[in-house]
Amino acid sequence: MRLRSAARVSRERTNAKTSVASRDAAFGPVDNNQFSAALAASYEIDLWGQQNANSNAADYDAQAAAFDTQTILISVSAELVATYLDVLYWRELDQVLGVQQELQ
C-alpha cells in the first residue's frame, strides 16, 4: 500500500485599486489566505507474489548476514588455535634444541 500526501499554503495581498471583484475594496488592501491538503492512497494487488518474494529475500539476507558473522567468529577462533599450537611447537623445539646443545 502506498500513501502520498501534499500540502500547500499561499497568501496574497491585493491592493484595493487593483481588486475590482473584492467587496472590501473600500477598506484598503485585502488579504487572501488559501490552504489545501491532499492525501492519496493506492493499493497494488500482488498477483505474482512479488511482495512476498521481496519479504522472503530480506529475511534471507538477514540470515546470510548472521551466518557471515558466525563464519568470521569460527575463522578467528581457528586462527587463534593454530597460532597457539605453533607457539607450543616452537617452545617444544626450543627445549629439544637446548637439551641437544647441553649434551654436546
Protein backbone atom coordinates (compact mmCIF):
# COMPACT_ATOMS: atom_id res chain seq x y z
CA MET A 1 0.00 0.00 0.00
CA ARG A 2 1.34 3.40 -0.90
CA LEU A 3 0.38 6.69 0.71
CA ARG A 4 1.19 10.10 -0.67
CA SER A 5 0.41 13.45 0.87
CA ALA A 6 0.85 17.05 -0.14
CA ALA A 7 0.12 20.38 1.45
CA ARG A 8 0.10 23.89 0.05
CA VAL A 9 -0.29 27.27 1.68
CA SER A 10 -0.43 30.59 -0.12
CA ARG A 11 -1.04 34.16 0.99
CA GLU A 12 -1.84 37.02 -1.29
CA ARG A 13 -2.27 40.71 -0.58
CA THR A 14 -4.03 42.77 -3.19
CA ASN A 15 -4.47 46.50 -3.40
CA ALA A 16 -7.97 47.90 -3.33
CA LYS A 17 -7.39 49.73 -6.64
CA THR A 18 -6.40 46.56 -8.50
CA SER A 19 -9.02 44.30 -6.95
CA VAL A 20 -12.31 45.24 -8.57
CA ALA A 21 -14.00 41.98 -7.60
CA SER A 22 -13.36 42.46 -3.90
CA ARG A 23 -16.36 43.60 -1.86
CA ASP A 24 -13.96 45.02 0.74
CA ALA A 25 -12.24 47.34 -1.76
CA ALA A 26 -13.21 50.43 0.20
CA PHE A 27 -11.25 49.28 3.26
CA GLY A 28 -7.77 49.07 1.69
CA PRO A 29 -5.60 46.01 0.98
CA VAL A 30 -7.27 42.64 1.08
CA ASP A 31 -5.58 39.51 2.43
CA ASN A 32 -6.42 36.21 0.83
CA ASN A 33 -5.27 33.03 2.58
CA GLN A 34 -5.58 29.72 0.81
CA PHE A 35 -4.91 26.36 2.37
CA SER A 36 -5.12 22.99 0.68
CA ALA A 37 -4.16 19.46 1.55
CA ALA A 38 -4.29 16.27 -0.44
CA LEU A 39 -3.93 12.63 0.51
CA ALA A 40 -3.77 9.81 -2.00
CA ALA A 41 -3.71 6.11 -1.25
CA SER A 42 -3.18 3.28 -3.69
CA TYR A 43 -3.11 -0.46 -3.35
CA GLU A 44 -1.46 -2.89 -5.70
CA ILE A 45 -2.72 -6.46 -5.91
CA ASP A 46 0.21 -8.85 -5.68
CA LEU A 47 -0.80 -11.37 -8.33
CA TRP A 48 2.64 -12.94 -8.83
CA GLY A 49 3.81 -12.81 -5.22
CA GLN A 50 6.43 -10.10 -5.71
CA GLN A 51 5.82 -8.54 -2.29
CA ASN A 52 6.09 -11.92 -0.60
CA ALA A 53 9.25 -12.70 -2.56
CA ASN A 54 10.77 -9.34 -1.56
CA SER A 55 9.94 -10.04 2.08
CA ASN A 56 11.49 -13.51 1.87
CA ALA A 57 14.58 -12.09 0.17
CA ALA A 58 15.04 -9.61 3.01
CA ASP A 59 14.72 -12.43 5.56
CA TYR A 60 17.29 -14.49 3.67
CA ASP A 61 19.66 -11.52 3.51
CA ALA A 62 19.41 -11.13 7.29
CA GLN A 63 20.10 -14.84 7.80
CA ALA A 64 23.08 -14.65 5.44
CA ALA A 65 24.49 -11.74 7.44
CA ALA A 66 24.12 -13.76 10.66
CA PHE A 67 25.87 -16.74 9.04
CA ASP A 68 28.65 -14.44 7.82
CA THR A 69 29.17 -13.24 11.39
CA GLN A 70 29.33 -16.82 12.65
CA THR A 71 31.79 -17.72 9.88
CA ILE A 72 34.06 -14.86 10.90
CA LEU A 73 33.96 -15.96 14.55
CA ILE A 74 34.81 -19.55 13.61
CA SER A 75 37.65 -18.41 11.33
CA VAL A 76 39.15 -16.18 14.00
CA SER A 77 38.89 -18.97 16.57
CA ALA A 78 40.59 -21.43 14.21
CA GLU A 79 43.42 -18.97 13.53
CA LEU A 80 43.85 -18.42 17.27
CA VAL A 81 44.10 -22.18 17.91
CA ALA A 82 46.53 -22.63 15.01
CA THR A 83 48.73 -19.82 16.34
CA TYR A 84 48.65 -21.30 19.84
CA LEU A 85 49.66 -24.72 18.50
CA ASP A 86 52.51 -23.08 16.55
CA VAL A 87 53.73 -21.41 19.75
CA LEU A 88 53.64 -24.74 21.59
CA TYR A 89 55.55 -26.42 18.74
CA TRP A 90 58.28 -23.76 18.72
CA ARG A 91 58.60 -23.89 22.52
CA GLU A 92 58.99 -27.65 22.40
CA LEU A 93 61.52 -27.39 19.57
CA ASP A 94 63.45 -24.77 21.54
CA GLN A 95 63.56 -27.10 24.55
CA VAL A 96 64.74 -30.03 22.40
CA LEU A 97 67.48 -27.90 20.84
CA GLY A 98 68.50 -26.68 24.29
CA VAL A 99 68.85 -30.26 25.53
CA GLN A 100 70.86 -31.21 22.44
CA GLN A 101 73.23 -28.29 22.97
CA GLU A 102 73.79 -29.34 26.59
CA LEU A 103 74.58 -32.88 25.54
CA GLN A 104 77.26 -31.84 23.06
